[in-house]
Amino acid sequence: MNLYHKNPNINKNDLCASFQKAIIDMLITNTRQAIKNLKIDKVALAGGVSANIHIRNSFEKLAEEENLKVYYPERALCTDNAAMIASAGYYNFIKGNISDLTLNAVPNLKI
């Protein structure tokens, strides 16, 4: 039984907004700590989550408070990597680069 069925009065929008805020707060707290520990003055945001306007606004605020430069690509370029991975897989497949089921994941493999 999920949480919503136990309490149908839960506002899903509020729940999601609270979850998003908790994640952003954690990202900002950890980044602030890294700024102090590593003496950094530049941060780059990337990937699909960097398209999130609340994340961008929070990092812009952090940048003002900590004299930090934040870099991120245009929102149109902040997409999920699934399409990129699928494209790389497709081109490898049509080249005949295939494997049997013993293939293992290599997280740092270069494409």
N, C-alpha and C. Protein backbone atom coordinates (compact mmCIF):
# COMPACT_ATOMS: atom_id res chain seq x y z
N MET A 1 0.85 -1.18 0.00
CA MET A 1 0.00 0.00 0.00
C MET A 1 0.90 1.24 0.00
N ASN A 2 0.65 2.14 -0.95
CA ASN A 2 1.50 3.32 -1.01
C ASN A 2 1.00 4.42 -0.07
N LEU A 3 1.81 5.43 0.13
CA LEU A 3 1.52 6.51 1.06
C LEU A 3 0.22 7.22 0.71
N TYR A 4 -0.04 7.40 -0.58
CA TYR A 4 -1.24 8.12 -1.00
C TYR A 4 -2.51 7.37 -0.60
N HIS A 5 -2.48 6.05 -0.70
CA HIS A 5 -3.65 5.27 -0.32
C HIS A 5 -3.87 5.28 1.20
N LYS A 6 -2.81 5.39 1.97
CA LYS A 6 -2.95 5.47 3.41
C LYS A 6 -3.55 6.81 3.83
N ASN A 7 -3.20 7.86 3.12
CA ASN A 7 -3.69 9.19 3.44
C ASN A 7 -4.00 9.93 2.15
N PRO A 8 -5.23 9.78 1.63
CA PRO A 8 -5.58 10.42 0.35
C PRO A 8 -5.62 11.94 0.42
N ASN A 9 -5.46 12.51 1.60
CA ASN A 9 -5.47 13.96 1.73
C ASN A 9 -4.11 14.59 1.47
N ILE A 10 -3.11 13.78 1.21
CA ILE A 10 -1.78 14.31 0.90
C ILE A 10 -1.83 15.03 -0.43
N ASN A 11 -1.33 16.24 -0.45
CA ASN A 11 -1.26 17.01 -1.68
C ASN A 11 -0.01 16.60 -2.44
N LYS A 12 -0.19 15.94 -3.58
CA LYS A 12 0.96 15.44 -4.34
C LYS A 12 1.88 16.56 -4.79
N ASN A 13 1.32 17.71 -5.15
CA ASN A 13 2.15 18.83 -5.58
C ASN A 13 3.04 19.33 -4.44
N ASP A 14 2.47 19.42 -3.24
CA ASP A 14 3.25 19.84 -2.08
C ASP A 14 4.34 18.83 -1.75
N LEU A 15 3.99 17.55 -1.83
CA LEU A 15 4.96 16.49 -1.56
C LEU A 15 6.13 16.58 -2.54
N CYS A 16 5.83 16.73 -3.82
CA CYS A 16 6.89 16.81 -4.83
C CYS A 16 7.73 18.07 -4.65
N ALA A 17 7.08 19.19 -4.36
CA ALA A 17 7.83 20.44 -4.15
C ALA A 17 8.75 20.32 -2.93
N SER A 18 8.27 19.68 -1.88
CA SER A 18 9.09 19.48 -0.68
C SER A 18 10.28 18.59 -0.97
N PHE A 19 10.04 17.54 -1.75
CA PHE A 19 11.12 16.63 -2.13
C PHE A 19 12.17 17.37 -2.96
N GLN A 20 11.72 18.16 -3.93
CA GLN A 20 12.64 18.94 -4.76
C GLN A 20 13.44 19.91 -3.90
N LYS A 21 12.78 20.59 -2.99
CA LYS A 21 13.49 21.55 -2.12
C LYS A 21 14.54 20.86 -1.27
N ALA A 22 14.21 19.69 -0.74
CA ALA A 22 15.18 18.95 0.08
C ALA A 22 16.41 18.59 -0.74
N ILE A 23 16.21 18.18 -1.97
CA ILE A 23 17.34 17.83 -2.83
C ILE A 23 18.19 19.05 -3.14
N ILE A 24 17.53 20.15 -3.49
CA ILE A 24 18.27 21.38 -3.81
C ILE A 24 19.03 21.87 -2.59
N ASP A 25 18.40 21.83 -1.43
CA ASP A 25 19.09 22.25 -0.20
C ASP A 25 20.33 21.42 0.04
N MET A 26 20.24 20.11 -0.20
CA MET A 26 21.40 19.24 -0.03
C MET A 26 22.50 19.59 -1.04
N LEU A 27 22.12 19.83 -2.29
CA LEU A 27 23.11 20.20 -3.30
C LEU A 27 23.83 21.50 -2.93
N ILE A 28 23.07 22.47 -2.48
CA ILE A 28 23.65 23.77 -2.10
C ILE A 28 24.54 23.63 -0.88
N THR A 29 24.08 22.89 0.14
CA THR A 29 24.88 22.69 1.35
C THR A 29 26.20 22.00 1.02
N ASN A 30 26.14 20.94 0.22
CA ASN A 30 27.37 20.21 -0.14
C ASN A 30 28.29 21.05 -1.01
N THR A 31 27.72 21.83 -1.91
CA THR A 31 28.54 22.70 -2.76
C THR A 31 29.19 23.79 -1.93
N ARG A 32 28.44 24.36 -1.00
CA ARG A 32 28.99 25.40 -0.12
C ARG A 32 30.17 24.84 0.69
N GLN A 33 30.02 23.61 1.17
CA GLN A 33 31.10 22.97 1.93
C GLN A 33 32.31 22.72 1.04
N ALA A 34 32.09 22.30 -0.20
CA ALA A 34 33.19 22.08 -1.14
C ALA A 34 33.91 23.39 -1.46
N ILE A 35 33.15 24.47 -1.59
CA ILE A 35 33.75 25.79 -1.84
C ILE A 35 34.74 26.13 -0.73
N LYS A 36 34.32 25.91 0.49
CA LYS A 36 35.17 26.25 1.63
C LYS A 36 36.35 25.29 1.78
N ASN A 37 36.09 24.00 1.63
CA ASN A 37 37.15 23.00 1.83
C ASN A 37 38.18 23.02 0.71
N LEU A 38 37.72 23.21 -0.52
CA LEU A 38 38.61 23.10 -1.68
C LEU A 38 39.04 24.45 -2.24
N LYS A 39 38.50 25.52 -1.66
CA LYS A 39 38.83 26.89 -2.11
C LYS A 39 38.54 27.06 -3.59
N ILE A 40 37.38 26.59 -4.05
CA ILE A 40 37.03 26.71 -5.45
C ILE A 40 36.22 27.99 -5.68
N ASP A 41 36.27 28.50 -6.90
CA ASP A 41 35.50 29.68 -7.23
C ASP A 41 34.68 29.50 -8.51
N LYS A 42 34.64 28.25 -9.00
CA LYS A 42 33.87 27.93 -10.20
C LYS A 42 33.17 26.59 -10.01
N VAL A 43 31.91 26.51 -10.50
CA VAL A 43 31.14 25.27 -10.45
C VAL A 43 30.45 25.11 -11.79
N ALA A 44 30.43 23.88 -12.30
CA ALA A 44 29.72 23.58 -13.54
C ALA A 44 28.56 22.64 -13.23
N LEU A 45 27.39 23.00 -13.72
CA LEU A 45 26.22 22.14 -13.62
C LEU A 45 26.01 21.49 -14.98
N ALA A 46 25.63 20.22 -14.99
CA ALA A 46 25.43 19.54 -16.28
C ALA A 46 24.38 18.45 -16.13
N GLY A 47 24.00 17.90 -17.24
CA GLY A 47 23.02 16.81 -17.25
C GLY A 47 21.60 17.33 -17.22
N GLY A 48 20.68 16.41 -17.22
CA GLY A 48 19.27 16.76 -17.26
C GLY A 48 18.81 17.63 -16.11
N VAL A 49 19.33 17.39 -14.92
CA VAL A 49 18.88 18.17 -13.76
C VAL A 49 19.29 19.63 -13.84
N SER A 50 20.31 19.94 -14.62
CA SER A 50 20.74 21.34 -14.72
C SER A 50 19.75 22.19 -15.51
N ALA A 51 18.75 21.57 -16.13
CA ALA A 51 17.70 22.33 -16.80
C ALA A 51 16.67 22.84 -15.80
N ASN A 52 16.67 22.30 -14.59
CA ASN A 52 15.68 22.67 -13.58
C ASN A 52 15.89 24.12 -13.15
N ILE A 53 14.87 24.94 -13.35
CA ILE A 53 14.99 26.37 -13.07
C ILE A 53 15.22 26.66 -11.59
N HIS A 54 14.67 25.83 -10.72
CA HIS A 54 14.87 26.03 -9.28
C HIS A 54 16.32 25.73 -8.88
N ILE A 55 16.90 24.71 -9.49
CA ILE A 55 18.32 24.41 -9.24
C ILE A 55 19.18 25.56 -9.74
N ARG A 56 18.90 26.02 -10.94
CA ARG A 56 19.68 27.14 -11.50
C ARG A 56 19.57 28.38 -10.62
N ASN A 57 18.35 28.71 -10.20
CA ASN A 57 18.17 29.90 -9.35
C ASN A 57 18.90 29.75 -8.02
N SER A 58 18.86 28.56 -7.45
CA SER A 58 19.54 28.33 -6.17
C SER A 58 21.05 28.46 -6.33
N PHE A 59 21.59 27.98 -7.43
CA PHE A 59 23.03 28.11 -7.66
C PHE A 59 23.42 29.54 -8.00
N GLU A 60 22.54 30.28 -8.66
CA GLU A 60 22.81 31.69 -8.91
C GLU A 60 22.86 32.47 -7.59
N LYS A 61 21.95 32.15 -6.69
CA LYS A 61 21.95 32.79 -5.36
C LYS A 61 23.22 32.43 -4.61
N LEU A 62 23.60 31.15 -4.64
CA LEU A 62 24.85 30.71 -4.01
C LEU A 62 26.04 31.46 -4.61
N ALA A 63 26.04 31.63 -5.92
CA ALA A 63 27.13 32.33 -6.60
C ALA A 63 27.27 33.75 -6.08
N GLU A 64 26.16 34.43 -5.88
CA GLU A 64 26.20 35.80 -5.35
C GLU A 64 26.73 35.81 -3.92
N GLU A 65 26.27 34.86 -3.11
CA GLU A 65 26.67 34.82 -1.69
C GLU A 65 28.13 34.44 -1.51
N GLU A 66 28.65 33.57 -2.37
CA GLU A 66 29.99 33.02 -2.19
C GLU A 66 31.02 33.53 -3.20
N ASN A 67 30.65 34.55 -3.99
CA ASN A 67 31.54 35.06 -5.03
C ASN A 67 32.01 33.91 -5.93
N LEU A 68 31.06 33.19 -6.44
CA LEU A 68 31.29 31.97 -7.21
C LEU A 68 30.82 32.18 -8.64
N LYS A 69 31.50 31.59 -9.59
CA LYS A 69 31.06 31.60 -10.98
C LYS A 69 30.42 30.25 -11.27
N VAL A 70 29.18 30.26 -11.78
CA VAL A 70 28.46 29.03 -12.10
C VAL A 70 28.32 28.94 -13.61
N TYR A 71 28.67 27.79 -14.15
CA TYR A 71 28.55 27.54 -15.59
C TYR A 71 27.54 26.43 -15.82
N TYR A 72 26.72 26.61 -16.83
CA TYR A 72 25.82 25.54 -17.26
C TYR A 72 25.46 25.81 -18.71
N PRO A 73 25.16 24.73 -19.43
CA PRO A 73 24.80 24.89 -20.84
C PRO A 73 23.41 25.51 -20.99
N GLU A 74 23.10 25.91 -22.21
CA GLU A 74 21.74 26.37 -22.49
C GLU A 74 20.77 25.26 -22.12
N ARG A 75 19.58 25.64 -21.69
CA ARG A 75 18.60 24.65 -21.26
C ARG A 75 18.30 23.63 -22.35
N ALA A 76 18.30 24.04 -23.59
CA ALA A 76 18.00 23.11 -24.69
C ALA A 76 19.05 22.00 -24.78
N LEU A 77 20.22 22.24 -24.23
CA LEU A 77 21.30 21.24 -24.28
C LEU A 77 21.37 20.40 -23.00
N CYS A 78 20.52 20.69 -22.05
CA CYS A 78 20.52 19.98 -20.77
C CYS A 78 19.49 18.85 -20.81
N THR A 79 19.80 17.86 -21.58
CA THR A 79 18.85 16.76 -21.70
C THR A 79 19.39 15.52 -21.02
N ASP A 80 18.53 14.58 -20.87
CA ASP A 80 18.91 13.30 -20.29
C ASP A 80 19.90 12.61 -21.24
N ASN A 81 20.83 11.87 -20.70
CA ASN A 81 21.84 11.20 -21.52
C ASN A 81 21.31 9.97 -22.23
N ALA A 82 20.08 9.56 -21.99
CA ALA A 82 19.55 8.34 -22.59
C ALA A 82 19.60 8.40 -24.11
N ALA A 83 19.25 9.53 -24.68
CA ALA A 83 19.27 9.64 -26.14
C ALA A 83 20.70 9.53 -26.67
N MET A 84 21.65 10.12 -25.97
CA MET A 84 23.04 10.04 -26.39
C MET A 84 23.55 8.61 -26.32
N ILE A 85 23.22 7.91 -25.24
CA ILE A 85 23.64 6.53 -25.08
C ILE A 85 22.99 5.65 -26.14
N ALA A 86 21.70 5.87 -26.39
CA ALA A 86 21.00 5.09 -27.41
C ALA A 86 21.61 5.32 -28.78
N SER A 87 21.96 6.56 -29.08
CA SER A 87 22.58 6.88 -30.37
C SER A 87 23.93 6.19 -30.51
N ALA A 88 24.74 6.25 -29.46
CA ALA A 88 26.04 5.57 -29.50
C ALA A 88 25.85 4.07 -29.67
N GLY A 89 24.86 3.50 -28.99
CA GLY A 89 24.57 2.07 -29.13
C GLY A 89 24.13 1.72 -30.53
N TYR A 90 23.30 2.56 -31.11
CA TYR A 90 22.82 2.32 -32.47
C TYR A 90 23.99 2.27 -33.46
N TYR A 91 24.85 3.27 -33.40
CA TYR A 91 25.96 3.32 -34.36
C TYR A 91 26.94 2.17 -34.13
N ASN A 92 27.14 1.76 -32.90
CA ASN A 92 27.96 0.58 -32.65
C ASN A 92 27.30 -0.67 -33.20
N PHE A 93 26.00 -0.77 -33.05
CA PHE A 93 25.26 -1.93 -33.56
C PHE A 93 25.36 -2.04 -35.08
N ILE A 94 25.15 -0.92 -35.78
CA ILE A 94 25.21 -1.00 -37.25
C ILE A 94 26.63 -1.24 -37.75
N LYS A 95 27.64 -0.96 -36.95
CA LYS A 95 29.02 -1.29 -37.29
C LYS A 95 29.33 -2.74 -36.97
N GLY A 96 28.41 -3.43 -36.31
CA GLY A 96 28.63 -4.82 -35.95
C GLY A 96 29.30 -5.01 -34.61
N ASN A 97 29.45 -3.93 -33.86
CA ASN A 97 30.05 -4.02 -32.52
C ASN A 97 28.98 -4.49 -31.54
N ILE A 98 28.88 -5.79 -31.37
CA ILE A 98 27.88 -6.35 -30.47
C ILE A 98 28.57 -7.29 -29.49
N SER A 99 27.85 -7.64 -28.45
CA SER A 99 28.42 -8.50 -27.43
C SER A 99 27.39 -9.53 -27.01
N ASP A 100 27.88 -10.61 -26.40
CA ASP A 100 26.95 -11.58 -25.84
C ASP A 100 26.52 -11.11 -24.45
N LEU A 101 25.81 -11.93 -23.73
CA LEU A 101 25.26 -11.52 -22.44
C LEU A 101 26.27 -11.52 -21.30
N THR A 102 27.54 -11.80 -21.59
CA THR A 102 28.57 -11.75 -20.55
C THR A 102 29.17 -10.35 -20.41
N LEU A 103 28.76 -9.42 -21.26
CA LEU A 103 29.26 -8.05 -21.20
C LEU A 103 28.95 -7.45 -19.83
N ASN A 104 29.94 -6.75 -19.28
CA ASN A 104 29.77 -6.13 -17.98
C ASN A 104 29.83 -4.61 -18.13
N ALA A 105 29.22 -3.88 -17.22
CA ALA A 105 29.23 -2.42 -17.25
C ALA A 105 30.62 -1.90 -16.90
N VAL A 106 31.05 -0.87 -17.64
CA VAL A 106 32.31 -0.18 -17.35
C VAL A 106 31.95 1.30 -17.22
N PRO A 107 31.79 1.81 -16.01
CA PRO A 107 31.26 3.17 -15.83
C PRO A 107 32.15 4.27 -16.39
N ASN A 108 33.44 4.04 -16.58
CA ASN A 108 34.34 5.08 -17.09
C ASN A 108 34.75 4.85 -18.52
N LEU A 109 34.01 4.02 -19.23
CA LEU A 109 34.33 3.70 -20.63
C LEU A 109 34.17 4.94 -21.50
N LYS A 110 35.11 5.18 -22.37
CA LYS A 110 35.06 6.32 -23.29
C LYS A 110 34.27 5.92 -24.52
N ILE A 111 33.44 6.84 -25.00
CA ILE A 111 32.65 6.59 -26.21
C ILE A 111 33.41 7.10 -27.41
